[in-house]
Amino acid sequence: MALALAACATTPPQAAMFERAGNGLQDAQARSGDLQLSCDPQDSEVLLDGLPVGSCVDFSGRRGLSLGQRMRKVEIRREGFRPFETFVEPDGTRAALTVTLAPSNTGGGP
């Protein structure tokens, strides 16, 4: 009987386990954030971790690019321009990013 009591004393109650799990989920949600984009050219392609997710116009208004809860690689690119890339770690806020892509060639002459 003493053994059974010792085992019960070291095992946390089920309610406490659910509370800790819920706190962990809240912490993860608090780190989630989104990114509002403003790009030139406006129809530039947006990639999140190497996967296409839309164009800058799609994420320029109230609806930002949802980042989730971990560091993400954001790329902006368009044919004829040099690509832009950065890493963003969400912190539970809405961030804004303004990107102006440079032409891929300057076309200079002699």
PDB file of N, CA and C in Angstrom:
ATOM      1  N   MET A   1       0.827  -1.186   0.000  1.00  0.00           N
ATOM      2  CA  MET A   1       0.000   0.000   0.000  1.00  0.00           C
ATOM      3  C   MET A   1       0.872   1.252   0.000  1.00  0.00           C
ATOM      4  N   ALA A   2       1.986   1.211   0.678  1.00  0.00           N
ATOM      5  CA  ALA A   2       2.892   2.351   0.659  1.00  0.00           C
ATOM      6  C   ALA A   2       3.458   2.547  -0.738  1.00  0.00           C
ATOM      7  N   LEU A   3       3.682   1.465  -1.461  1.00  0.00           N
ATOM      8  CA  LEU A   3       4.195   1.558  -2.821  1.00  0.00           C
ATOM      9  C   LEU A   3       3.183   2.245  -3.722  1.00  0.00           C
ATOM     10  N   ALA A   4       1.919   1.919  -3.591  1.00  0.00           N
ATOM     11  CA  ALA A   4       0.871   2.536  -4.399  1.00  0.00           C
ATOM     12  C   ALA A   4       0.772   4.026  -4.096  1.00  0.00           C
ATOM     13  N   LEU A   5       0.899   4.412  -2.868  1.00  0.00           N
ATOM     14  CA  LEU A   5       0.837   5.825  -2.511  1.00  0.00           C
ATOM     15  C   LEU A   5       2.033   6.586  -3.061  1.00  0.00           C
ATOM     16  N   ALA A   6       3.195   5.964  -3.036  1.00  0.00           N
ATOM     17  CA  ALA A   6       4.383   6.617  -3.569  1.00  0.00           C
ATOM     18  C   ALA A   6       4.243   6.838  -5.067  1.00  0.00           C
ATOM     19  N   ALA A   7       3.678   5.873  -5.770  1.00  0.00           N
ATOM     20  CA  ALA A   7       3.493   6.010  -7.203  1.00  0.00           C
ATOM     21  C   ALA A   7       2.496   7.120  -7.505  1.00  0.00           C
ATOM     22  N   CYS A   8       1.442   7.221  -6.741  1.00  0.00           N
ATOM     23  CA  CYS A   8       0.453   8.269  -6.950  1.00  0.00           C
ATOM     24  C   CYS A   8       1.041   9.639  -6.645  1.00  0.00           C
ATOM     25  N   ALA A   9       1.910   9.705  -5.672  1.00  0.00           N
ATOM     26  CA  ALA A   9       2.478  10.989  -5.290  1.00  0.00           C
ATOM     27  C   ALA A   9       3.411  11.531  -6.369  1.00  0.00           C
ATOM     28  N   THR A  10       4.069  10.670  -7.141  1.00  0.00           N
ATOM     29  CA  THR A  10       4.997  11.155  -8.159  1.00  0.00           C
ATOM     30  C   THR A  10       4.323  11.386  -9.504  1.00  0.00           C
ATOM     31  N   THR A  11       3.138  10.848  -9.713  1.00  0.00           N
ATOM     32  CA  THR A  11       2.422  11.033 -10.971  1.00  0.00           C
ATOM     33  C   THR A  11       1.535  12.271 -10.869  1.00  0.00           C
ATOM     34  N   PRO A  12       1.716  13.280 -11.741  1.00  0.00           N
ATOM     35  CA  PRO A  12       0.881  14.475 -11.654  1.00  0.00           C
ATOM     36  C   PRO A  12      -0.560  14.145 -12.024  1.00  0.00           C
ATOM     37  N   PRO A  13      -1.496  14.831 -11.415  1.00  0.00           N
ATOM     38  CA  PRO A  13      -2.899  14.593 -11.756  1.00  0.00           C
ATOM     39  C   PRO A  13      -3.147  14.894 -13.230  1.00  0.00           C
ATOM     40  N   GLN A  14      -4.131  14.222 -13.795  1.00  0.00           N
ATOM     41  CA  GLN A  14      -4.437  14.380 -15.219  1.00  0.00           C
ATOM     42  C   GLN A  14      -4.792  15.829 -15.557  1.00  0.00           C
ATOM     43  N   ALA A  15      -5.484  16.507 -14.664  1.00  0.00           N
ATOM     44  CA  ALA A  15      -5.864  17.898 -14.918  1.00  0.00           C
ATOM     45  C   ALA A  15      -4.629  18.784 -15.059  1.00  0.00           C
ATOM     46  N   ALA A  16      -3.608  18.539 -14.247  1.00  0.00           N
ATOM     47  CA  ALA A  16      -2.388  19.337 -14.326  1.00  0.00           C
ATOM     48  C   ALA A  16      -1.670  19.097 -15.649  1.00  0.00           C
ATOM     49  N   MET A  17      -1.691  17.858 -16.142  1.00  0.00           N
ATOM     50  CA  MET A  17      -1.051  17.561 -17.434  1.00  0.00           C
ATOM     51  C   MET A  17      -1.764  18.305 -18.556  1.00  0.00           C
ATOM     52  N   PHE A  18      -3.106  18.316 -18.528  1.00  0.00           N
ATOM     53  CA  PHE A  18      -3.857  19.027 -19.562  1.00  0.00           C
ATOM     54  C   PHE A  18      -3.607  20.535 -19.480  1.00  0.00           C
ATOM     55  N   GLU A  19      -3.470  21.061 -18.281  1.00  0.00           N
ATOM     56  CA  GLU A  19      -3.201  22.482 -18.113  1.00  0.00           C
ATOM     57  C   GLU A  19      -1.834  22.839 -18.704  1.00  0.00           C
ATOM     58  N   ARG A  20      -0.826  22.028 -18.441  1.00  0.00           N
ATOM     59  CA  ARG A  20       0.504  22.283 -19.004  1.00  0.00           C
ATOM     60  C   ARG A  20       0.480  22.186 -20.529  1.00  0.00           C
ATOM     61  N   ALA A  21      -0.241  21.220 -21.056  1.00  0.00           N
ATOM     62  CA  ALA A  21      -0.341  21.088 -22.508  1.00  0.00           C
ATOM     63  C   ALA A  21      -1.040  22.306 -23.111  1.00  0.00           C
ATOM     64  N   GLY A  22      -2.094  22.760 -22.459  1.00  0.00           N
ATOM     65  CA  GLY A  22      -2.805  23.951 -22.929  1.00  0.00           C
ATOM     66  C   GLY A  22      -1.923  25.183 -22.893  1.00  0.00           C
ATOM     67  N   ASN A  23      -1.110  25.321 -21.853  1.00  0.00           N
ATOM     68  CA  ASN A  23      -0.188  26.451 -21.764  1.00  0.00           C
ATOM     69  C   ASN A  23       0.837  26.399 -22.888  1.00  0.00           C
ATOM     70  N   GLY A  24       1.298  25.201 -23.216  1.00  0.00           N
ATOM     71  CA  GLY A  24       2.248  25.052 -24.322  1.00  0.00           C
ATOM     72  C   GLY A  24       1.637  25.473 -25.644  1.00  0.00           C
ATOM     73  N   LEU A  25       0.386  25.121 -25.874  1.00  0.00           N
ATOM     74  CA  LEU A  25      -0.297  25.529 -27.103  1.00  0.00           C
ATOM     75  C   LEU A  25      -0.478  27.042 -27.156  1.00  0.00           C
ATOM     76  N   GLN A  26      -0.821  27.651 -26.038  1.00  0.00           N
ATOM     77  CA  GLN A  26      -0.968  29.105 -26.003  1.00  0.00           C
ATOM     78  C   GLN A  26       0.352  29.789 -26.296  1.00  0.00           C
ATOM     79  N   ASP A  27       1.448  29.261 -25.749  1.00  0.00           N
ATOM     80  CA  ASP A  27       2.765  29.833 -26.017  1.00  0.00           C
ATOM     81  C   ASP A  27       3.097  29.752 -27.500  1.00  0.00           C
ATOM     82  N   ALA A  28       2.788  28.620 -28.132  1.00  0.00           N
ATOM     83  CA  ALA A  28       3.061  28.449 -29.559  1.00  0.00           C
ATOM     84  C   ALA A  28       2.216  29.416 -30.380  1.00  0.00           C
ATOM     85  N   GLN A  29       0.941  29.584 -30.025  1.00  0.00           N
ATOM     86  CA  GLN A  29       0.075  30.503 -30.747  1.00  0.00           C
ATOM     87  C   GLN A  29       0.545  31.936 -30.567  1.00  0.00           C
ATOM     88  N   ALA A  30       1.077  32.265 -29.407  1.00  0.00           N
ATOM     89  CA  ALA A  30       1.555  33.614 -29.151  1.00  0.00           C
ATOM     90  C   ALA A  30       2.739  33.952 -30.049  1.00  0.00           C
ATOM     91  N   ARG A  31       3.542  32.969 -30.421  1.00  0.00           N
ATOM     92  CA  ARG A  31       4.694  33.216 -31.294  1.00  0.00           C
ATOM     93  C   ARG A  31       4.294  33.324 -32.756  1.00  0.00           C
ATOM     94  N   SER A  32       3.113  32.833 -33.109  1.00  0.00           N
ATOM     95  CA  SER A  32       2.658  32.884 -34.487  1.00  0.00           C
ATOM     96  C   SER A  32       2.473  34.339 -34.913  1.00  0.00           C
ATOM     97  N   GLY A  33       2.725  34.630 -36.156  1.00  0.00           N
ATOM     98  CA  GLY A  33       2.555  35.992 -36.644  1.00  0.00           C
ATOM     99  C   GLY A  33       2.298  35.999 -38.131  1.00  0.00           C
ATOM    100  N   ASP A  34       2.109  37.195 -38.669  1.00  0.00           N
ATOM    101  CA  ASP A  34       1.958  37.296 -40.109  1.00  0.00           C
ATOM    102  C   ASP A  34       2.756  38.482 -40.621  1.00  0.00           C
ATOM    103  N   LEU A  35       2.960  38.474 -41.936  1.00  0.00           N
ATOM    104  CA  LEU A  35       3.839  39.437 -42.588  1.00  0.00           C
ATOM    105  C   LEU A  35       3.080  40.129 -43.703  1.00  0.00           C
ATOM    106  N   GLN A  36       2.950  41.447 -43.589  1.00  0.00           N
ATOM    107  CA  GLN A  36       2.310  42.239 -44.637  1.00  0.00           C
ATOM    108  C   GLN A  36       3.389  42.649 -45.628  1.00  0.00           C
ATOM    109  N   LEU A  37       3.146  42.412 -46.911  1.00  0.00           N
ATOM    110  CA  LEU A  37       4.157  42.661 -47.939  1.00  0.00           C
ATOM    111  C   LEU A  37       3.784  43.840 -48.825  1.00  0.00           C
ATOM    112  N   SER A  38       4.786  44.615 -49.186  1.00  0.00           N
ATOM    113  CA  SER A  38       4.653  45.677 -50.172  1.00  0.00           C
ATOM    114  C   SER A  38       5.836  45.511 -51.122  1.00  0.00           C
ATOM    115  N   CYS A  39       5.555  45.243 -52.392  1.00  0.00           N
ATOM    116  CA  CYS A  39       6.625  44.911 -53.335  1.00  0.00           C
ATOM    117  C   CYS A  39       6.555  45.764 -54.588  1.00  0.00           C
ATOM    118  N   ASP A  40       7.724  45.956 -55.178  1.00  0.00           N
ATOM    119  CA  ASP A  40       7.821  46.585 -56.481  1.00  0.00           C
ATOM    120  C   ASP A  40       8.757  45.703 -57.298  1.00  0.00           C
ATOM    121  N   PRO A  41       8.262  45.062 -58.346  1.00  0.00           N
ATOM    122  CA  PRO A  41       6.924  45.060 -58.919  1.00  0.00           C
ATOM    123  C   PRO A  41       5.906  44.340 -58.022  1.00  0.00           C
ATOM    124  N   GLN A  42       4.671  44.842 -58.071  1.00  0.00           N
ATOM    125  CA  GLN A  42       3.616  44.349 -57.185  1.00  0.00           C
ATOM    126  C   GLN A  42       3.240  42.892 -57.427  1.00  0.00           C
ATOM    127  N   ASP A  43       3.387  42.432 -58.665  1.00  0.00           N
ATOM    128  CA  ASP A  43       2.968  41.060 -58.981  1.00  0.00           C
ATOM    129  C   ASP A  43       4.097  40.049 -58.805  1.00  0.00           C
ATOM    130  N   SER A  44       5.107  40.393 -58.020  1.00  0.00           N
ATOM    131  CA  SER A  44       6.210  39.466 -57.750  1.00  0.00           C
ATOM    132  C   SER A  44       5.698  38.236 -57.015  1.00  0.00           C
ATOM    133  N   GLU A  45       6.352  37.114 -57.284  1.00  0.00           N
ATOM    134  CA  GLU A  45       5.983  35.833 -56.669  1.00  0.00           C
ATOM    135  C   GLU A  45       6.547  35.746 -55.257  1.00  0.00           C
ATOM    136  N   VAL A  46       5.757  35.186 -54.339  1.00  0.00           N
ATOM    137  CA  VAL A  46       6.176  34.999 -52.949  1.00  0.00           C
ATOM    138  C   VAL A  46       6.337  33.513 -52.692  1.00  0.00           C
ATOM    139  N   LEU A  47       7.481  33.149 -52.116  1.00  0.00           N
ATOM    140  CA  LEU A  47       7.729  31.762 -51.731  1.00  0.00           C
ATOM    141  C   LEU A  47       7.972  31.714 -50.229  1.00  0.00           C
ATOM    142  N   LEU A  48       7.416  30.718 -49.582  1.00  0.00           N
ATOM    143  CA  LEU A  48       7.613  30.497 -48.156  1.00  0.00           C
ATOM    144  C   LEU A  48       8.302  29.157 -47.997  1.00  0.00           C
ATOM    145  N   ASP A  49       9.513  29.166 -47.485  1.00  0.00           N
ATOM    146  CA  ASP A  49      10.329  27.952 -47.348  1.00  0.00           C
ATOM    147  C   ASP A  49      10.470  27.218 -48.676  1.00  0.00           C
ATOM    148  N   GLY A  50      10.625  27.998 -49.772  1.00  0.00           N
ATOM    149  CA  GLY A  50      10.850  27.431 -51.095  1.00  0.00           C
ATOM    150  C   GLY A  50       9.597  27.041 -51.853  1.00  0.00           C
ATOM    151  N   LEU A  51       8.419  27.180 -51.240  1.00  0.00           N
ATOM    152  CA  LEU A  51       7.168  26.812 -51.900  1.00  0.00           C
ATOM    153  C   LEU A  51       6.371  28.053 -52.278  1.00  0.00           C
ATOM    154  N   PRO A  52       5.882  28.138 -53.527  1.00  0.00           N
ATOM    155  CA  PRO A  52       5.100  29.305 -53.938  1.00  0.00           C
ATOM    156  C   PRO A  52       3.780  29.384 -53.156  1.00  0.00           C
ATOM    157  N   VAL A  53       3.473  30.603 -52.666  1.00  0.00           N
ATOM    158  CA  VAL A  53       2.239  30.793 -51.893  1.00  0.00           C
ATOM    159  C   VAL A  53       1.351  31.887 -52.467  1.00  0.00           C
ATOM    160  N   GLY A  54       1.810  32.570 -53.508  1.00  0.00           N
ATOM    161  CA  GLY A  54       1.002  33.624 -54.122  1.00  0.00           C
ATOM    162  C   GLY A  54       1.883  34.766 -54.587  1.00  0.00           C
ATOM    163  N   SER A  55       1.254  35.924 -54.803  1.00  0.00           N
ATOM    164  CA  SER A  55       2.006  37.106 -55.206  1.00  0.00           C
ATOM    165  C   SER A  55       1.954  38.132 -54.081  1.00  0.00           C
ATOM    166  N   CYS A  56       2.801  39.137 -54.185  1.00  0.00           N
ATOM    167  CA  CYS A  56       2.852  40.176 -53.148  1.00  0.00           C
ATOM    168  C   CYS A  56       1.492  40.834 -52.944  1.00  0.00           C
ATOM    169  N   VAL A  57       0.757  41.012 -54.029  1.00  0.00           N
ATOM    170  CA  VAL A  57      -0.567  41.641 -53.931  1.00  0.00           C
ATOM    171  C   VAL A  57      -1.469  40.844 -52.984  1.00  0.00           C
ATOM    172  N   ASP A  58      -1.329  39.523 -52.984  1.00  0.00           N
ATOM    173  CA  ASP A  58      -2.153  38.671 -52.121  1.00  0.00           C
ATOM    174  C   ASP A  58      -1.934  38.954 -50.638  1.00  0.00           C
ATOM    175  N   PHE A  59      -0.772  39.484 -50.282  1.00  0.00           N
ATOM    176  CA  PHE A  59      -0.414  39.675 -48.877  1.00  0.00           C
ATOM    177  C   PHE A  59      -0.141  41.140 -48.538  1.00  0.00           C
ATOM    178  N   SER A  60      -0.688  42.048 -49.341  1.00  0.00           N
ATOM    179  CA  SER A  60      -0.410  43.470 -49.132  1.00  0.00           C
ATOM    180  C   SER A  60      -1.479  44.184 -48.312  1.00  0.00           C
ATOM    181  N   GLY A  61      -2.634  43.613 -48.194  1.00  0.00           N
ATOM    182  CA  GLY A  61      -3.716  44.272 -47.467  1.00  0.00           C
ATOM    183  C   GLY A  61      -3.835  43.778 -46.044  1.00  0.00           C
ATOM    184  N   ARG A  62      -5.050  43.634 -45.620  1.00  0.00           N
ATOM    185  CA  ARG A  62      -5.316  43.181 -44.250  1.00  0.00           C
ATOM    186  C   ARG A  62      -4.853  41.756 -44.029  1.00  0.00           C
ATOM    187  N   ARG A  63      -4.893  40.967 -45.086  1.00  0.00           N
ATOM    188  CA  ARG A  63      -4.469  39.564 -44.970  1.00  0.00           C
ATOM    189  C   ARG A  63      -2.976  39.474 -45.230  1.00  0.00           C
ATOM    190  N   GLY A  64      -2.222  39.212 -44.199  1.00  0.00           N
ATOM    191  CA  GLY A  64      -0.779  39.059 -44.363  1.00  0.00           C
ATOM    192  C   GLY A  64      -0.425  37.606 -44.614  1.00  0.00           C
ATOM    193  N   LEU A  65       0.828  37.389 -44.860  1.00  0.00           N
ATOM    194  CA  LEU A  65       1.366  36.047 -45.058  1.00  0.00           C
ATOM    195  C   LEU A  65       1.497  35.377 -43.696  1.00  0.00           C
ATOM    196  N   SER A  66       0.759  34.303 -43.482  1.00  0.00           N
ATOM    197  CA  SER A  66       0.789  33.599 -42.200  1.00  0.00           C
ATOM    198  C   SER A  66       2.087  32.813 -42.073  1.00  0.00           C
ATOM    199  N   LEU A  67       2.806  33.049 -40.977  1.00  0.00           N
ATOM    200  CA  LEU A  67       4.120  32.443 -40.802  1.00  0.00           C
ATOM    201  C   LEU A  67       4.119  31.210 -39.917  1.00  0.00           C
ATOM    202  N   GLY A  68       3.119  31.015 -39.094  1.00  0.00           N
ATOM    203  CA  GLY A  68       3.122  29.878 -38.175  1.00  0.00           C
ATOM    204  C   GLY A  68       3.978  30.158 -36.959  1.00  0.00           C
ATOM    205  N   GLN A  69       4.637  29.116 -36.423  1.00  0.00           N
ATOM    206  CA  GLN A  69       5.343  29.262 -35.155  1.00  0.00           C
ATOM    207  C   GLN A  69       6.849  29.031 -35.225  1.00  0.00           C
ATOM    208  N   ARG A  70       7.432  29.021 -36.407  1.00  0.00           N
ATOM    209  CA  ARG A  70       8.870  28.768 -36.462  1.00  0.00           C
ATOM    210  C   ARG A  70       9.510  29.719 -37.464  1.00  0.00           C
ATOM    211  N   MET A  71      10.825  29.777 -37.457  1.00  0.00           N
ATOM    212  CA  MET A  71      11.530  30.639 -38.394  1.00  0.00           C
ATOM    213  C   MET A  71      11.226  30.192 -39.822  1.00  0.00           C
ATOM    214  N   ARG A  72      10.968  31.176 -40.689  1.00  0.00           N
ATOM    215  CA  ARG A  72      10.614  30.880 -42.072  1.00  0.00           C
ATOM    216  C   ARG A  72      11.494  31.649 -43.038  1.00  0.00           C
ATOM    217  N   LYS A  73      11.728  31.051 -44.187  1.00  0.00           N
ATOM    218  CA  LYS A  73      12.455  31.724 -45.266  1.00  0.00           C
ATOM    219  C   LYS A  73      11.420  32.315 -46.218  1.00  0.00           C
ATOM    220  N   VAL A  74      11.503  33.625 -46.440  1.00  0.00           N
ATOM    221  CA  VAL A  74      10.578  34.322 -47.339  1.00  0.00           C
ATOM    222  C   VAL A  74      11.381  34.801 -48.540  1.00  0.00           C
ATOM    223  N   GLU A  75      10.906  34.442 -49.731  1.00  0.00           N
ATOM    224  CA  GLU A  75      11.569  34.856 -50.974  1.00  0.00           C
ATOM    225  C   GLU A  75      10.583  35.632 -51.829  1.00  0.00           C
ATOM    226  N   ILE A  76      11.080  36.682 -52.471  1.00  0.00           N
ATOM    227  CA  ILE A  76      10.294  37.468 -53.415  1.00  0.00           C
ATOM    228  C   ILE A  76      11.070  37.415 -54.726  1.00  0.00           C
ATOM    229  N   ARG A  77      10.382  37.046 -55.819  1.00  0.00           N
ATOM    230  CA  ARG A  77      11.097  36.989 -57.095  1.00  0.00           C
ATOM    231  C   ARG A  77      10.155  37.236 -58.262  1.00  0.00           C
ATOM    232  N   ARG A  78      10.770  37.676 -59.347  1.00  0.00           N
ATOM    233  CA  ARG A  78      10.054  37.894 -60.595  1.00  0.00           C
ATOM    234  C   ARG A  78      11.064  37.807 -61.724  1.00  0.00           C
ATOM    235  N   GLU A  79      10.640  37.269 -62.837  1.00  0.00           N
ATOM    236  CA  GLU A  79      11.529  37.130 -63.990  1.00  0.00           C
ATOM    237  C   GLU A  79      12.040  38.505 -64.411  1.00  0.00           C
ATOM    238  N   GLY A  80      13.354  38.577 -64.681  1.00  0.00           N
ATOM    239  CA  GLY A  80      13.980  39.826 -65.095  1.00  0.00           C
ATOM    240  C   GLY A  80      14.508  40.651 -63.929  1.00  0.00           C
ATOM    241  N   PHE A  81      14.345  40.149 -62.712  1.00  0.00           N
ATOM    242  CA  PHE A  81      14.795  40.862 -61.517  1.00  0.00           C
ATOM    243  C   PHE A  81      15.611  39.931 -60.633  1.00  0.00           C
ATOM    244  N   ARG A  82      16.505  40.510 -59.840  1.00  0.00           N
ATOM    245  CA  ARG A  82      17.249  39.719 -58.874  1.00  0.00           C
ATOM    246  C   ARG A  82      16.334  39.369 -57.702  1.00  0.00           C
ATOM    247  N   PRO A  83      16.343  38.121 -57.249  1.00  0.00           N
ATOM    248  CA  PRO A  83      15.454  37.718 -56.150  1.00  0.00           C
ATOM    249  C   PRO A  83      15.896  38.315 -54.816  1.00  0.00           C
ATOM    250  N   PHE A  84      14.938  38.429 -53.907  1.00  0.00           N
ATOM    251  CA  PHE A  84      15.183  38.889 -52.541  1.00  0.00           C
ATOM    252  C   PHE A  84      14.804  37.754 -51.606  1.00  0.00           C
ATOM    253  N   GLU A  85      15.607  37.524 -50.585  1.00  0.00           N
ATOM    254  CA  GLU A  85      15.246  36.517 -49.591  1.00  0.00           C
ATOM    255  C   GLU A  85      15.656  36.991 -48.203  1.00  0.00           C
ATOM    256  N   THR A  86      14.876  36.574 -47.229  1.00  0.00           N
ATOM    257  CA  THR A  86      15.152  36.895 -45.840  1.00  0.00           C
ATOM    258  C   THR A  86      14.566  35.795 -44.962  1.00  0.00           C
ATOM    259  N   PHE A  87      14.968  35.783 -43.707  1.00  0.00           N
ATOM    260  CA  PHE A  87      14.416  34.850 -42.739  1.00  0.00           C
ATOM    261  C   PHE A  87      13.641  35.645 -41.702  1.00  0.00           C
ATOM    262  N   VAL A  88      12.457  35.149 -41.356  1.00  0.00           N
ATOM    263  CA  VAL A  88      11.591  35.836 -40.409  1.00  0.00           C
ATOM    264  C   VAL A  88      11.195  34.854 -39.320  1.00  0.00           C
ATOM    265  N   GLU A  89      11.354  35.283 -38.078  1.00  0.00           N
ATOM    266  CA  GLU A  89      10.906  34.469 -36.953  1.00  0.00           C
ATOM    267  C   GLU A  89       9.698  35.161 -36.332  1.00  0.00           C
ATOM    268  N   PRO A  90       8.534  34.523 -36.352  1.00  0.00           N
ATOM    269  CA  PRO A  90       7.329  35.163 -35.830  1.00  0.00           C
ATOM    270  C   PRO A  90       7.437  35.406 -34.325  1.00  0.00           C
ATOM    271  N   ASP A  91       6.868  36.509 -33.885  1.00  0.00           N
ATOM    272  CA  ASP A  91       6.879  36.823 -32.456  1.00  0.00           C
ATOM    273  C   ASP A  91       5.495  37.205 -31.956  1.00  0.00           C
ATOM    274  N   GLY A  92       4.466  36.784 -32.674  1.00  0.00           N
ATOM    275  CA  GLY A  92       3.101  37.057 -32.244  1.00  0.00           C
ATOM    276  C   GLY A  92       2.583  38.404 -32.705  1.00  0.00           C
ATOM    277  N   THR A  93       3.323  39.091 -33.556  1.00  0.00           N
ATOM    278  CA  THR A  93       2.879  40.393 -34.034  1.00  0.00           C
ATOM    279  C   THR A  93       2.759  40.382 -35.549  1.00  0.00           C
ATOM    280  N   ARG A  94       2.226  41.443 -36.070  1.00  0.00           N
ATOM    281  CA  ARG A  94       2.175  41.626 -37.519  1.00  0.00           C
ATOM    282  C   ARG A  94       3.344  42.506 -37.914  1.00  0.00           C
ATOM    283  N   ALA A  95       4.130  42.022 -38.840  1.00  0.00           N
ATOM    284  CA  ALA A  95       5.272  42.777 -39.336  1.00  0.00           C
ATOM    285  C   ALA A  95       5.004  43.205 -40.775  1.00  0.00           C
ATOM    286  N   ALA A  96       5.689  44.239 -41.211  1.00  0.00           N
ATOM    287  CA  ALA A  96       5.565  44.709 -42.589  1.00  0.00           C
ATOM    288  C   ALA A  96       6.940  44.650 -43.242  1.00  0.00           C
ATOM    289  N   LEU A  97       6.951  44.253 -44.497  1.00  0.00           N
ATOM    290  CA  LEU A  97       8.191  44.158 -45.261  1.00  0.00           C
ATOM    291  C   LEU A  97       7.979  44.846 -46.603  1.00  0.00           C
ATOM    292  N   THR A  98       8.844  45.807 -46.923  1.00  0.00           N
ATOM    293  CA  THR A  98       8.807  46.498 -48.209  1.00  0.00           C
ATOM    294  C   THR A  98      10.022  46.063 -49.016  1.00  0.00           C
ATOM    295  N   VAL A  99       9.767  45.569 -50.235  1.00  0.00           N
ATOM    296  CA  VAL A  99      10.832  45.028 -51.083  1.00  0.00           C
ATOM    297  C   VAL A  99      10.751  45.674 -52.457  1.00  0.00           C
ATOM    298  N   THR A 100      11.884  46.187 -52.927  1.00  0.00           N
ATOM    299  CA  THR A 100      12.001  46.667 -54.299  1.00  0.00           C
ATOM    300  C   THR A 100      13.054  45.819 -54.985  1.00  0.00           C
ATOM    301  N   LEU A 101      12.615  45.032 -55.961  1.00  0.00           N
ATOM    302  CA  LEU A 101      13.541  44.149 -56.666  1.00  0.00           C
ATOM    303  C   LEU A 101      14.357  44.955 -57.674  1.00  0.00           C
ATOM    304  N   ALA A 102      15.639  44.644 -57.760  1.00  0.00           N
ATOM    305  CA  ALA A 102      16.534  45.291 -58.714  1.00  0.00           C
ATOM    306  C   ALA A 102      16.526  44.504 -60.023  1.00  0.00           C
ATOM    307  N   PRO A 103      16.596  45.209 -61.142  1.00  0.00           N
ATOM    308  CA  PRO A 103      16.681  44.497 -62.430  1.00  0.00           C
ATOM    309  C   PRO A 103      17.884  43.558 -62.447  1.00  0.00           C
ATOM    310  N   SER A 104      17.735  42.425 -63.139  1.00  0.00           N
ATOM    311  CA  SER A 104      18.816  41.449 -63.157  1.00  0.00           C
ATOM    312  C   SER A 104      19.986  41.879 -64.032  1.00  0.00           C
ATOM    313  N   ASN A 105      19.737  42.784 -64.993  1.00  0.00           N
ATOM    314  CA  ASN A 105      20.850  43.302 -65.783  1.00  0.00           C
ATOM    315  C   ASN A 105      20.668  44.806 -65.917  1.00  0.00           C
ATOM    316  N   THR A 106      21.766  45.510 -65.932  1.00  0.00           N
ATOM    317  CA  THR A 106      21.695  46.970 -66.002  1.00  0.00           C
ATOM    318  C   THR A 106      21.644  47.472 -67.439  1.00  0.00           C
ATOM    319  N   GLY A 107      22.044  46.630 -68.387  1.00  0.00           N
ATOM    320  CA  GLY A 107      21.957  46.986 -69.798  1.00  0.00           C
ATOM    321  C   GLY A 107      22.867  48.137 -70.210  1.00  0.00           C
ATOM    322  N   GLY A 108      23.921  48.394 -69.455  1.00  0.00           N
ATOM    323  CA  GLY A 108      24.838  49.495 -69.766  1.00  0.00           C
ATOM    324  C   GLY A 108      25.510  49.337 -71.114  1.00  0.00           C
ATOM    325  N   GLY A 109      25.997  50.385 -71.653  1.00  0.00           N
ATOM    326  CA  GLY A 109      26.656  50.339 -72.963  1.00  0.00           C
ATOM    327  C   GLY A 109      28.065  50.855 -72.883  1.00  0.00           C
ATOM    328  N   PRO A 110      28.741  50.893 -74.065  1.00  0.00           N
ATOM    329  CA  PRO A 110      30.152  51.337 -74.093  1.00  0.00           C
ATOM    330  C   PRO A 110      30.314  52.810 -73.822  1.00  0.00           C
TER     331      PRO A 110
END
